[in-house]
Amino acid sequence: MTLKRLIEILDAEVILDAGDPDIEIQAACSSDLMSDLLCFAAKPGSVLITGLINPQVVRTAEIADLKAIIFVLRKRPDKDTIELARAKGIPLIVTPLSRFTSCGRLYVEGLESCTEETK
């Protein structure tokens, strides 16, 4: 799925356009615990869906090689966080939807989870 399509599905707004909107997104992960994201959930080429708006989110996305950060519930990061994302080349997106609804919509549209589920 392209980043452009993901933005459409989530009724989202791009607040920092730092890349190609036609870039392919491999999967989505959602967490407010950056340590869990780094240990268990991050898959390179994915997007992060989160409610956190601090600079650590950008640093985590850079380390995990994530393609974009999606902030839920209309949360907007401050100027310093936006500038850090600009420097790292990580697009920032805001959706009015909750984490639950955002993940559900993307799942229904065929985007994979970052984690492999065990049955």
PDB file of N, CA and C in Angstrom:
ATOM      1  N   MET A   1       0.850  -1.165   0.000  1.00  0.00           N
ATOM      2  CA  MET A   1       0.000   0.000   0.000  1.00  0.00           C
ATOM      3  C   MET A   1       0.902   1.237   0.000  1.00  0.00           C
ATOM      4  N   THR A   2       0.523   2.237  -0.739  1.00  0.00           N
ATOM      5  CA  THR A   2       1.322   3.462  -0.763  1.00  0.00           C
ATOM      6  C   THR A   2       0.988   4.353   0.431  1.00  0.00           C
ATOM      7  N   LEU A   3       1.919   5.231   0.745  1.00  0.00           N
ATOM      8  CA  LEU A   3       1.682   6.191   1.816  1.00  0.00           C
ATOM      9  C   LEU A   3       0.488   7.070   1.458  1.00  0.00           C
ATOM     10  N   LYS A   4       0.385   7.440   0.215  1.00  0.00           N
ATOM     11  CA  LYS A   4      -0.734   8.273  -0.249  1.00  0.00           C
ATOM     12  C   LYS A   4      -2.079   7.587   0.030  1.00  0.00           C
ATOM     13  N   ARG A   5      -2.167   6.300  -0.258  1.00  0.00           N
ATOM     14  CA  ARG A   5      -3.405   5.549  -0.023  1.00  0.00           C
ATOM     15  C   ARG A   5      -3.704   5.444   1.472  1.00  0.00           C
ATOM     16  N   LEU A   6      -2.687   5.215   2.260  1.00  0.00           N
ATOM     17  CA  LEU A   6      -2.828   5.131   3.709  1.00  0.00           C
ATOM     18  C   LEU A   6      -3.414   6.432   4.264  1.00  0.00           C
ATOM     19  N   ILE A   7      -2.943   7.552   3.769  1.00  0.00           N
ATOM     20  CA  ILE A   7      -3.437   8.855   4.201  1.00  0.00           C
ATOM     21  C   ILE A   7      -4.916   9.006   3.857  1.00  0.00           C
ATOM     22  N   GLU A   8      -5.306   8.549   2.690  1.00  0.00           N
ATOM     23  CA  GLU A   8      -6.717   8.601   2.283  1.00  0.00           C
ATOM     24  C   GLU A   8      -7.582   7.751   3.204  1.00  0.00           C
ATOM     25  N   ILE A   9      -7.149   6.547   3.484  1.00  0.00           N
ATOM     26  CA  ILE A   9      -7.913   5.614   4.318  1.00  0.00           C
ATOM     27  C   ILE A   9      -8.144   6.183   5.718  1.00  0.00           C
ATOM     28  N   LEU A  10      -7.150   6.888   6.236  1.00  0.00           N
ATOM     29  CA  LEU A  10      -7.224   7.409   7.597  1.00  0.00           C
ATOM     30  C   LEU A  10      -7.786   8.834   7.669  1.00  0.00           C
ATOM     31  N   ASP A  11      -8.250   9.363   6.552  1.00  0.00           N
ATOM     32  CA  ASP A  11      -8.754  10.748   6.528  1.00  0.00           C
ATOM     33  C   ASP A  11      -7.743  11.677   7.196  1.00  0.00           C
ATOM     34  N   ALA A  12      -6.484  11.495   6.841  1.00  0.00           N
ATOM     35  CA  ALA A  12      -5.389  12.146   7.550  1.00  0.00           C
ATOM     36  C   ALA A  12      -4.881  13.402   6.838  1.00  0.00           C
ATOM     37  N   GLU A  13      -4.095  14.138   7.594  1.00  0.00           N
ATOM     38  CA  GLU A  13      -3.459  15.363   7.114  1.00  0.00           C
ATOM     39  C   GLU A  13      -1.951  15.196   7.258  1.00  0.00           C
ATOM     40  N   VAL A  14      -1.226  15.541   6.218  1.00  0.00           N
ATOM     41  CA  VAL A  14       0.232  15.501   6.280  1.00  0.00           C
ATOM     42  C   VAL A  14       0.701  16.818   6.892  1.00  0.00           C
ATOM     43  N   ILE A  15       1.414  16.732   8.009  1.00  0.00           N
ATOM     44  CA  ILE A  15       1.930  17.959   8.614  1.00  0.00           C
ATOM     45  C   ILE A  15       3.413  18.154   8.314  1.00  0.00           C
ATOM     46  N   LEU A  16       4.085  17.088   7.856  1.00  0.00           N
ATOM     47  CA  LEU A  16       5.460  17.207   7.368  1.00  0.00           C
ATOM     48  C   LEU A  16       5.621  16.237   6.207  1.00  0.00           C
ATOM     49  N   ASP A  17       5.723  16.796   5.037  1.00  0.00           N
ATOM     50  CA  ASP A  17       5.914  16.000   3.836  1.00  0.00           C
ATOM     51  C   ASP A  17       7.412  15.840   3.633  1.00  0.00           C
ATOM     52  N   ALA A  18       7.930  14.694   4.000  1.00  0.00           N
ATOM     53  CA  ALA A  18       9.376  14.489   3.947  1.00  0.00           C
ATOM     54  C   ALA A  18       9.768  13.374   2.993  1.00  0.00           C
ATOM     55  N   GLY A  19       8.909  13.079   2.039  1.00  0.00           N
ATOM     56  CA  GLY A  19       9.264  11.996   1.141  1.00  0.00           C
ATOM     57  C   GLY A  19       8.254  11.807   0.032  1.00  0.00           C
ATOM     58  N   ASP A  20       8.394  10.721  -0.650  1.00  0.00           N
ATOM     59  CA  ASP A  20       7.562  10.368  -1.790  1.00  0.00           C
ATOM     60  C   ASP A  20       6.230   9.801  -1.309  1.00  0.00           C
ATOM     61  N   PRO A  21       5.100  10.406  -1.684  1.00  0.00           N
ATOM     62  CA  PRO A  21       3.806   9.886  -1.236  1.00  0.00           C
ATOM     63  C   PRO A  21       3.454   8.533  -1.868  1.00  0.00           C
ATOM     64  N   ASP A  22       4.183   8.153  -2.912  1.00  0.00           N
ATOM     65  CA  ASP A  22       3.944   6.867  -3.561  1.00  0.00           C
ATOM     66  C   ASP A  22       4.850   5.758  -3.026  1.00  0.00           C
ATOM     67  N   ILE A  23       5.571   6.051  -1.941  1.00  0.00           N
ATOM     68  CA  ILE A  23       6.431   5.036  -1.332  1.00  0.00           C
ATOM     69  C   ILE A  23       5.564   3.887  -0.821  1.00  0.00           C
ATOM     70  N   GLU A  24       6.055   2.676  -0.965  1.00  0.00           N
ATOM     71  CA  GLU A  24       5.323   1.495  -0.511  1.00  0.00           C
ATOM     72  C   GLU A  24       5.523   1.282   0.982  1.00  0.00           C
ATOM     73  N   ILE A  25       4.418   1.078   1.665  1.00  0.00           N
ATOM     74  CA  ILE A  25       4.429   0.782   3.095  1.00  0.00           C
ATOM     75  C   ILE A  25       4.207  -0.719   3.247  1.00  0.00           C
ATOM     76  N   GLN A  26       5.084  -1.382   3.968  1.00  0.00           N
ATOM     77  CA  GLN A  26       5.041  -2.835   4.119  1.00  0.00           C
ATOM     78  C   GLN A  26       4.072  -3.306   5.196  1.00  0.00           C
ATOM     79  N   ALA A  27       3.982  -2.526   6.271  1.00  0.00           N
ATOM     80  CA  ALA A  27       3.167  -2.945   7.419  1.00  0.00           C
ATOM     81  C   ALA A  27       2.929  -1.744   8.323  1.00  0.00           C
ATOM     82  N   ALA A  28       2.100  -1.951   9.344  1.00  0.00           N
ATOM     83  CA  ALA A  28       1.849  -0.915  10.342  1.00  0.00           C
ATOM     84  C   ALA A  28       2.061  -1.489  11.733  1.00  0.00           C
ATOM     85  N   CYS A  29       2.577  -0.652  12.610  1.00  0.00           N
ATOM     86  CA  CYS A  29       2.703  -1.041  14.005  1.00  0.00           C
ATOM     87  C   CYS A  29       2.135   0.101  14.841  1.00  0.00           C
ATOM     88  N   SER A  30       1.602  -0.255  15.993  1.00  0.00           N
ATOM     89  CA  SER A  30       0.978   0.740  16.852  1.00  0.00           C
ATOM     90  C   SER A  30       1.418   0.518  18.277  1.00  0.00           C
ATOM     91  N   SER A  31       1.993   1.577  18.860  1.00  0.00           N
ATOM     92  CA  SER A  31       2.449   1.463  20.236  1.00  0.00           C
ATOM     93  C   SER A  31       2.680   2.849  20.805  1.00  0.00           C
ATOM     94  N   ASP A  32       2.506   2.961  22.106  1.00  0.00           N
ATOM     95  CA  ASP A  32       2.915   4.158  22.826  1.00  0.00           C
ATOM     96  C   ASP A  32       4.126   3.842  23.707  1.00  0.00           C
ATOM     97  N   LEU A  33       4.571   2.610  23.691  1.00  0.00           N
ATOM     98  CA  LEU A  33       5.771   2.201  24.420  1.00  0.00           C
ATOM     99  C   LEU A  33       6.896   2.005  23.398  1.00  0.00           C
ATOM    100  N   MET A  34       7.782   2.967  23.320  1.00  0.00           N
ATOM    101  CA  MET A  34       8.834   2.903  22.316  1.00  0.00           C
ATOM    102  C   MET A  34       9.774   1.727  22.554  1.00  0.00           C
ATOM    103  N   SER A  35       9.961   1.332  23.799  1.00  0.00           N
ATOM    104  CA  SER A  35      10.814   0.174  24.082  1.00  0.00           C
ATOM    105  C   SER A  35      10.193  -1.102  23.513  1.00  0.00           C
ATOM    106  N   ASP A  36       8.877  -1.257  23.635  1.00  0.00           N
ATOM    107  CA  ASP A  36       8.212  -2.424  23.043  1.00  0.00           C
ATOM    108  C   ASP A  36       8.331  -2.397  21.533  1.00  0.00           C
ATOM    109  N   LEU A  37       8.189  -1.242  20.953  1.00  0.00           N
ATOM    110  CA  LEU A  37       8.296  -1.110  19.513  1.00  0.00           C
ATOM    111  C   LEU A  37       9.665  -1.587  19.037  1.00  0.00           C
ATOM    112  N   LEU A  38      10.702  -1.155  19.718  1.00  0.00           N
ATOM    113  CA  LEU A  38      12.054  -1.538  19.317  1.00  0.00           C
ATOM    114  C   LEU A  38      12.328  -3.020  19.559  1.00  0.00           C
ATOM    115  N   CYS A  39      11.782  -3.569  20.627  1.00  0.00           N
ATOM    116  CA  CYS A  39      12.057  -4.970  20.965  1.00  0.00           C
ATOM    117  C   CYS A  39      11.186  -5.969  20.211  1.00  0.00           C
ATOM    118  N   PHE A  40       9.927  -5.623  19.972  1.00  0.00           N
ATOM    119  CA  PHE A  40       8.999  -6.626  19.484  1.00  0.00           C
ATOM    120  C   PHE A  40       8.247  -6.292  18.202  1.00  0.00           C
ATOM    121  N   ALA A  41       8.031  -5.022  17.918  1.00  0.00           N
ATOM    122  CA  ALA A  41       7.030  -4.716  16.907  1.00  0.00           C
ATOM    123  C   ALA A  41       7.544  -4.025  15.649  1.00  0.00           C
ATOM    124  N   ALA A  42       8.712  -3.469  15.677  1.00  0.00           N
ATOM    125  CA  ALA A  42       9.144  -2.683  14.524  1.00  0.00           C
ATOM    126  C   ALA A  42       9.611  -3.573  13.378  1.00  0.00           C
ATOM    127  N   LYS A  43       9.137  -3.260  12.198  1.00  0.00           N
ATOM    128  CA  LYS A  43       9.524  -3.962  10.978  1.00  0.00           C
ATOM    129  C   LYS A  43       9.932  -2.881   9.977  1.00  0.00           C
ATOM    130  N   PRO A  44      11.158  -2.906   9.484  1.00  0.00           N
ATOM    131  CA  PRO A  44      11.577  -1.874   8.538  1.00  0.00           C
ATOM    132  C   PRO A  44      10.575  -1.736   7.386  1.00  0.00           C
ATOM    133  N   GLY A  45      10.354  -0.489   6.976  1.00  0.00           N
ATOM    134  CA  GLY A  45       9.425  -0.221   5.895  1.00  0.00           C
ATOM    135  C   GLY A  45       7.995  -0.020   6.342  1.00  0.00           C
ATOM    136  N   SER A  46       7.780   0.009   7.652  1.00  0.00           N
ATOM    137  CA  SER A  46       6.440   0.158   8.216  1.00  0.00           C
ATOM    138  C   SER A  46       6.159   1.604   8.597  1.00  0.00           C
ATOM    139  N   VAL A  47       4.920   1.835   9.020  1.00  0.00           N
ATOM    140  CA  VAL A  47       4.548   3.109   9.625  1.00  0.00           C
ATOM    141  C   VAL A  47       4.240   2.863  11.096  1.00  0.00           C
ATOM    142  N   LEU A  48       4.428   3.897  11.886  1.00  0.00           N
ATOM    143  CA  LEU A  48       4.104   3.843  13.304  1.00  0.00           C
ATOM    144  C   LEU A  48       2.828   4.628  13.545  1.00  0.00           C
ATOM    145  N   ILE A  49       1.884   4.027  14.237  1.00  0.00           N
ATOM    146  CA  ILE A  49       0.644   4.686  14.645  1.00  0.00           C
ATOM    147  C   ILE A  49       0.727   4.860  16.151  1.00  0.00           C
ATOM    148  N   THR A  50       0.664   6.123  16.612  1.00  0.00           N
ATOM    149  CA  THR A  50       0.895   6.380  18.028  1.00  0.00           C
ATOM    150  C   THR A  50       0.136   7.614  18.518  1.00  0.00           C
ATOM    151  N   GLY A  51       0.002   7.690  19.806  1.00  0.00           N
ATOM    152  CA  GLY A  51      -0.574   8.861  20.445  1.00  0.00           C
ATOM    153  C   GLY A  51       0.492   9.744  21.075  1.00  0.00           C
ATOM    154  N   LEU A  52       1.735   9.295  21.043  1.00  0.00           N
ATOM    155  CA  LEU A  52       2.836  10.083  21.606  1.00  0.00           C
ATOM    156  C   LEU A  52       3.286  11.130  20.598  1.00  0.00           C
ATOM    157  N   ILE A  53       3.620  12.304  21.093  1.00  0.00           N
ATOM    158  CA  ILE A  53       4.011  13.385  20.183  1.00  0.00           C
ATOM    159  C   ILE A  53       5.370  13.983  20.541  1.00  0.00           C
ATOM    160  N   ASN A  54       6.199  13.260  21.258  1.00  0.00           N
ATOM    161  CA  ASN A  54       7.491  13.784  21.689  1.00  0.00           C
ATOM    162  C   ASN A  54       8.617  13.393  20.726  1.00  0.00           C
ATOM    163  N   PRO A  55       9.785  14.002  20.857  1.00  0.00           N
ATOM    164  CA  PRO A  55      10.903  13.710  19.947  1.00  0.00           C
ATOM    165  C   PRO A  55      11.370  12.250  19.977  1.00  0.00           C
ATOM    166  N   GLN A  56      11.141  11.548  21.088  1.00  0.00           N
ATOM    167  CA  GLN A  56      11.566  10.147  21.166  1.00  0.00           C
ATOM    168  C   GLN A  56      10.869   9.284  20.102  1.00  0.00           C
ATOM    169  N   VAL A  57       9.668   9.678  19.707  1.00  0.00           N
ATOM    170  CA  VAL A  57       8.948   8.944  18.666  1.00  0.00           C
ATOM    171  C   VAL A  57       9.724   9.016  17.354  1.00  0.00           C
ATOM    172  N   VAL A  58      10.245  10.178  17.035  1.00  0.00           N
ATOM    173  CA  VAL A  58      11.021  10.356  15.805  1.00  0.00           C
ATOM    174  C   VAL A  58      12.328   9.578  15.898  1.00  0.00           C
ATOM    175  N   ARG A  59      12.980   9.651  17.029  1.00  0.00           N
ATOM    176  CA  ARG A  59      14.246   8.912  17.193  1.00  0.00           C
ATOM    177  C   ARG A  59      14.025   7.399  17.074  1.00  0.00           C
ATOM    178  N   THR A  60      12.938   6.928  17.655  1.00  0.00           N
ATOM    179  CA  THR A  60      12.607   5.506  17.558  1.00  0.00           C
ATOM    180  C   THR A  60      12.317   5.120  16.116  1.00  0.00           C
ATOM    181  N   ALA A  61      11.558   5.936  15.417  1.00  0.00           N
ATOM    182  CA  ALA A  61      11.243   5.655  14.012  1.00  0.00           C
ATOM    183  C   ALA A  61      12.511   5.601  13.170  1.00  0.00           C
ATOM    184  N   GLU A  62      13.444   6.469  13.451  1.00  0.00           N
ATOM    185  CA  GLU A  62      14.708   6.462  12.706  1.00  0.00           C
ATOM    186  C   GLU A  62      15.480   5.165  12.972  1.00  0.00           C
ATOM    187  N   ILE A  63      15.605   4.790  14.233  1.00  0.00           N
ATOM    188  CA  ILE A  63      16.338   3.569  14.590  1.00  0.00           C
ATOM    189  C   ILE A  63      15.687   2.341  13.963  1.00  0.00           C
ATOM    190  N   ALA A  64      14.358   2.305  13.954  1.00  0.00           N
ATOM    191  CA  ALA A  64      13.620   1.140  13.453  1.00  0.00           C
ATOM    192  C   ALA A  64      13.417   1.171  11.935  1.00  0.00           C
ATOM    193  N   ASP A  65      13.904   2.208  11.274  1.00  0.00           N
ATOM    194  CA  ASP A  65      13.773   2.357   9.819  1.00  0.00           C
ATOM    195  C   ASP A  65      12.307   2.360   9.382  1.00  0.00           C
ATOM    196  N   LEU A  66      11.501   3.156  10.096  1.00  0.00           N
ATOM    197  CA  LEU A  66      10.088   3.287   9.754  1.00  0.00           C
ATOM    198  C   LEU A  66       9.921   4.399   8.729  1.00  0.00           C
ATOM    199  N   LYS A  67       8.898   4.282   7.897  1.00  0.00           N
ATOM    200  CA  LYS A  67       8.707   5.200   6.776  1.00  0.00           C
ATOM    201  C   LYS A  67       7.920   6.455   7.119  1.00  0.00           C
ATOM    202  N   ALA A  68       7.113   6.422   8.168  1.00  0.00           N
ATOM    203  CA  ALA A  68       6.301   7.579   8.550  1.00  0.00           C
ATOM    204  C   ALA A  68       5.755   7.363   9.951  1.00  0.00           C
ATOM    205  N   ILE A  69       5.316   8.470  10.557  1.00  0.00           N
ATOM    206  CA  ILE A  69       4.674   8.430  11.874  1.00  0.00           C
ATOM    207  C   ILE A  69       3.280   9.011  11.712  1.00  0.00           C
ATOM    208  N   ILE A  70       2.298   8.296  12.249  1.00  0.00           N
ATOM    209  CA  ILE A  70       0.914   8.733  12.214  1.00  0.00           C
ATOM    210  C   ILE A  70       0.467   9.003  13.648  1.00  0.00           C
ATOM    211  N   PHE A  71       0.053  10.242  13.899  1.00  0.00           N
ATOM    212  CA  PHE A  71      -0.435  10.629  15.215  1.00  0.00           C
ATOM    213  C   PHE A  71      -1.956  10.552  15.215  1.00  0.00           C
ATOM    214  N   VAL A  72      -2.504   9.924  16.224  1.00  0.00           N
ATOM    215  CA  VAL A  72      -3.958   9.714  16.308  1.00  0.00           C
ATOM    216  C   VAL A  72      -4.642  10.825  17.104  1.00  0.00           C
ATOM    217  N   LEU A  73      -5.968  10.845  17.004  1.00  0.00           N
ATOM    218  CA  LEU A  73      -6.820  11.747  17.783  1.00  0.00           C
ATOM    219  C   LEU A  73      -6.452  13.222  17.622  1.00  0.00           C
ATOM    220  N   ARG A  74      -6.028  13.566  16.411  1.00  0.00           N
ATOM    221  CA  ARG A  74      -5.656  14.949  16.060  1.00  0.00           C
ATOM    222  C   ARG A  74      -4.485  15.500  16.876  1.00  0.00           C
ATOM    223  N   LYS A  75      -3.718  14.649  17.509  1.00  0.00           N
ATOM    224  CA  LYS A  75      -2.570  15.114  18.292  1.00  0.00           C
ATOM    225  C   LYS A  75      -1.499  15.632  17.330  1.00  0.00           C
ATOM    226  N   ARG A  76      -0.890  16.757  17.700  1.00  0.00           N
ATOM    227  CA  ARG A  76       0.120  17.389  16.860  1.00  0.00           C
ATOM    228  C   ARG A  76       1.406  17.576  17.663  1.00  0.00           C
ATOM    229  N   PRO A  77       2.524  17.164  17.100  1.00  0.00           N
ATOM    230  CA  PRO A  77       3.800  17.346  17.793  1.00  0.00           C
ATOM    231  C   PRO A  77       4.208  18.823  17.813  1.00  0.00           C
ATOM    232  N   ASP A  78       5.103  19.150  18.736  1.00  0.00           N
ATOM    233  CA  ASP A  78       5.585  20.528  18.821  1.00  0.00           C
ATOM    234  C   ASP A  78       6.628  20.800  17.728  1.00  0.00           C
ATOM    235  N   LYS A  79       7.051  22.062  17.679  1.00  0.00           N
ATOM    236  CA  LYS A  79       7.980  22.517  16.646  1.00  0.00           C
ATOM    237  C   LYS A  79       9.292  21.720  16.651  1.00  0.00           C
ATOM    238  N   ASP A  80       9.830  21.440  17.832  1.00  0.00           N
ATOM    239  CA  ASP A  80      11.100  20.716  17.925  1.00  0.00           C
ATOM    240  C   ASP A  80      10.985  19.298  17.363  1.00  0.00           C
ATOM    241  N   THR A  81       9.879  18.642  17.638  1.00  0.00           N
ATOM    242  CA  THR A  81       9.660  17.290  17.133  1.00  0.00           C
ATOM    243  C   THR A  81       9.516  17.313  15.608  1.00  0.00           C
ATOM    244  N   ILE A  82       8.817  18.302  15.102  1.00  0.00           N
ATOM    245  CA  ILE A  82       8.658  18.438  13.648  1.00  0.00           C
ATOM    246  C   ILE A  82      10.006  18.705  12.988  1.00  0.00           C
ATOM    247  N   GLU A  83      10.801  19.557  13.580  1.00  0.00           N
ATOM    248  CA  GLU A  83      12.123  19.861  13.013  1.00  0.00           C
ATOM    249  C   GLU A  83      13.038  18.634  13.036  1.00  0.00           C
ATOM    250  N   LEU A  84      12.956  17.842  14.093  1.00  0.00           N
ATOM    251  CA  LEU A  84      13.743  16.611  14.154  1.00  0.00           C
ATOM    252  C   LEU A  84      13.308  15.654  13.050  1.00  0.00           C
ATOM    253  N   ALA A  85      12.014  15.515  12.844  1.00  0.00           N
ATOM    254  CA  ALA A  85      11.506  14.646  11.776  1.00  0.00           C
ATOM    255  C   ALA A  85      11.956  15.151  10.407  1.00  0.00           C
ATOM    256  N   ARG A  86      11.950  16.458  10.223  1.00  0.00           N
ATOM    257  CA  ARG A  86      12.417  17.037   8.954  1.00  0.00           C
ATOM    258  C   ARG A  86      13.884  16.673   8.719  1.00  0.00           C
ATOM    259  N   ALA A  87      14.693  16.810   9.767  1.00  0.00           N
ATOM    260  CA  ALA A  87      16.123  16.492   9.655  1.00  0.00           C
ATOM    261  C   ALA A  87      16.358  15.011   9.355  1.00  0.00           C
ATOM    262  N   LYS A  88      15.478  14.159   9.851  1.00  0.00           N
ATOM    263  CA  LYS A  88      15.624  12.713   9.657  1.00  0.00           C
ATOM    264  C   LYS A  88      14.891  12.218   8.405  1.00  0.00           C
ATOM    265  N   GLY A  89      14.102  13.096   7.777  1.00  0.00           N
ATOM    266  CA  GLY A  89      13.379  12.716   6.560  1.00  0.00           C
ATOM    267  C   GLY A  89      12.207  11.781   6.822  1.00  0.00           C
ATOM    268  N   ILE A  90      11.522  11.974   7.946  1.00  0.00           N
ATOM    269  CA  ILE A  90      10.403  11.111   8.320  1.00  0.00           C
ATOM    270  C   ILE A  90       9.101  11.907   8.220  1.00  0.00           C
ATOM    271  N   PRO A  91       8.199  11.517   7.329  1.00  0.00           N
ATOM    272  CA  PRO A  91       6.916  12.214   7.217  1.00  0.00           C
ATOM    273  C   PRO A  91       6.090  12.081   8.491  1.00  0.00           C
ATOM    274  N   LEU A  92       5.356  13.155   8.814  1.00  0.00           N
ATOM    275  CA  LEU A  92       4.468  13.167   9.967  1.00  0.00           C
ATOM    276  C   LEU A  92       3.044  13.385   9.483  1.00  0.00           C
ATOM    277  N   ILE A  93       2.137  12.570  10.009  1.00  0.00           N
ATOM    278  CA  ILE A  93       0.744  12.556   9.562  1.00  0.00           C
ATOM    279  C   ILE A  93      -0.156  12.586  10.785  1.00  0.00           C
ATOM    280  N   VAL A  94      -1.263  13.309  10.683  1.00  0.00           N
ATOM    281  CA  VAL A  94      -2.232  13.387  11.788  1.00  0.00           C
ATOM    282  C   VAL A  94      -3.577  12.875  11.295  1.00  0.00           C
ATOM    283  N   THR A  95      -4.189  11.973  12.073  1.00  0.00           N
ATOM    284  CA  THR A  95      -5.521  11.479  11.770  1.00  0.00           C
ATOM    285  C   THR A  95      -6.465  11.823  12.923  1.00  0.00           C
ATOM    286  N   PRO A  96      -7.724  12.068  12.615  1.00  0.00           N
ATOM    287  CA  PRO A  96      -8.694  12.304  13.693  1.00  0.00           C
ATOM    288  C   PRO A  96      -9.124  11.000  14.371  1.00  0.00           C
ATOM    289  N   LEU A  97      -8.755   9.881  13.796  1.00  0.00           N
ATOM    290  CA  LEU A  97      -9.193   8.575  14.279  1.00  0.00           C
ATOM    291  C   LEU A  97      -8.394   8.119  15.495  1.00  0.00           C
ATOM    292  N   SER A  98      -8.949   7.160  16.231  1.00  0.00           N
ATOM    293  CA  SER A  98      -8.236   6.537  17.351  1.00  0.00           C
ATOM    294  C   SER A  98      -7.212   5.536  16.818  1.00  0.00           C
ATOM    295  N   ARG A  99      -6.354   5.054  17.693  1.00  0.00           N
ATOM    296  CA  ARG A  99      -5.403   4.009  17.292  1.00  0.00           C
ATOM    297  C   ARG A  99      -6.159   2.767  16.851  1.00  0.00           C
ATOM    298  N   PHE A 100      -7.164   2.389  17.615  1.00  0.00           N
ATOM    299  CA  PHE A 100      -7.935   1.187  17.317  1.00  0.00           C
ATOM    300  C   PHE A 100      -8.566   1.274  15.926  1.00  0.00           C
ATOM    301  N   THR A 101      -9.246   2.373  15.653  1.00  0.00           N
ATOM    302  CA  THR A 101      -9.918   2.538  14.368  1.00  0.00           C
ATOM    303  C   THR A 101      -8.904   2.644  13.225  1.00  0.00           C
ATOM    304  N   SER A 102      -7.819   3.351  13.453  1.00  0.00           N
ATOM    305  CA  SER A 102      -6.784   3.475  12.420  1.00  0.00           C
ATOM    306  C   SER A 102      -6.228   2.108  12.037  1.00  0.00           C
ATOM    307  N   CYS A 103      -5.879   1.320  13.038  1.00  0.00           N
ATOM    308  CA  CYS A 103      -5.345  -0.018  12.772  1.00  0.00           C
ATOM    309  C   CYS A 103      -6.381  -0.886  12.065  1.00  0.00           C
ATOM    310  N   GLY A 104      -7.623  -0.802  12.515  1.00  0.00           N
ATOM    311  CA  GLY A 104      -8.692  -1.595  11.907  1.00  0.00           C
ATOM    312  C   GLY A 104      -8.900  -1.259  10.445  1.00  0.00           C
ATOM    313  N   ARG A 105      -8.952   0.031  10.143  1.00  0.00           N
ATOM    314  CA  ARG A 105      -9.146   0.440   8.743  1.00  0.00           C
ATOM    315  C   ARG A 105      -8.010  -0.056   7.851  1.00  0.00           C
ATOM    316  N   LEU A 106      -6.784   0.071   8.327  1.00  0.00           N
ATOM    317  CA  LEU A 106      -5.642  -0.365   7.525  1.00  0.00           C
ATOM    318  C   LEU A 106      -5.621  -1.883   7.367  1.00  0.00           C
ATOM    319  N   TYR A 107      -5.994  -2.594   8.409  1.00  0.00           N
ATOM    320  CA  TYR A 107      -6.056  -4.054   8.349  1.00  0.00           C
ATOM    321  C   TYR A 107      -7.094  -4.514   7.322  1.00  0.00           C
ATOM    322  N   VAL A 108      -8.264  -3.898   7.354  1.00  0.00           N
ATOM    323  CA  VAL A 108      -9.328  -4.256   6.414  1.00  0.00           C
ATOM    324  C   VAL A 108      -8.881  -4.001   4.966  1.00  0.00           C
ATOM    325  N   GLU A 109      -8.059  -2.983   4.776  1.00  0.00           N
ATOM    326  CA  GLU A 109      -7.565  -2.655   3.443  1.00  0.00           C
ATOM    327  C   GLU A 109      -6.369  -3.519   3.020  1.00  0.00           C
ATOM    328  N   GLY A 110      -5.937  -4.425   3.907  1.00  0.00           N
ATOM    329  CA  GLY A 110      -4.896  -5.380   3.532  1.00  0.00           C
ATOM    330  C   GLY A 110      -3.492  -5.083   4.016  1.00  0.00           C
ATOM    331  N   LEU A 111      -3.306  -4.031   4.804  1.00  0.00           N
ATOM    332  CA  LEU A 111      -1.965  -3.754   5.326  1.00  0.00           C
ATOM    333  C   LEU A 111      -1.642  -4.722   6.449  1.00  0.00           C
ATOM    334  N   GLU A 112      -0.459  -5.284   6.417  1.00  0.00           N
ATOM    335  CA  GLU A 112      -0.037  -6.267   7.409  1.00  0.00           C
ATOM    336  C   GLU A 112       0.342  -5.617   8.735  1.00  0.00           C
ATOM    337  N   SER A 113       0.347  -6.428   9.779  1.00  0.00           N
ATOM    338  CA  SER A 113       0.841  -6.024  11.080  1.00  0.00           C
ATOM    339  C   SER A 113       2.364  -6.192  11.092  1.00  0.00           C
ATOM    340  N   CYS A 114       3.016  -5.431  11.924  1.00  0.00           N
ATOM    341  CA  CYS A 114       4.480  -5.562  12.068  1.00  0.00           C
ATOM    342  C   CYS A 114       4.870  -6.859  12.774  1.00  0.00           C
ATOM    343  N   THR A 115       3.972  -7.394  13.552  1.00  0.00           N
ATOM    344  CA  THR A 115       4.306  -8.580  14.314  1.00  0.00           C
ATOM    345  C   THR A 115       3.646  -9.798  13.681  1.00  0.00           C
ATOM    346  N   GLU A 116       4.325 -10.908  13.810  1.00  0.00           N
ATOM    347  CA  GLU A 116       3.718 -12.170  13.351  1.00  0.00           C
ATOM    348  C   GLU A 116       2.879 -12.707  14.478  1.00  0.00           C
ATOM    349  N   GLU A 117       1.653 -13.009  14.159  1.00  0.00           N
ATOM    350  CA  GLU A 117       0.748 -13.520  15.182  1.00  0.00           C
ATOM    351  C   GLU A 117       0.899 -15.026  15.296  1.00  0.00           C
ATOM    352  N   THR A 118       0.863 -15.514  16.519  1.00  0.00           N
ATOM    353  CA  THR A 118       0.970 -16.929  16.777  1.00  0.00           C
ATOM    354  C   THR A 118      -0.415 -17.499  16.998  1.00  0.00           C
ATOM    355  N   LYS A 119      -0.709 -18.597  16.349  1.00  0.00           N
ATOM    356  CA  LYS A 119      -2.019 -19.228  16.505  1.00  0.00           C
ATOM    357  C   LYS A 119      -1.950 -20.422  17.413  1.00  0.00           C
TER     358      LYS A 119
END
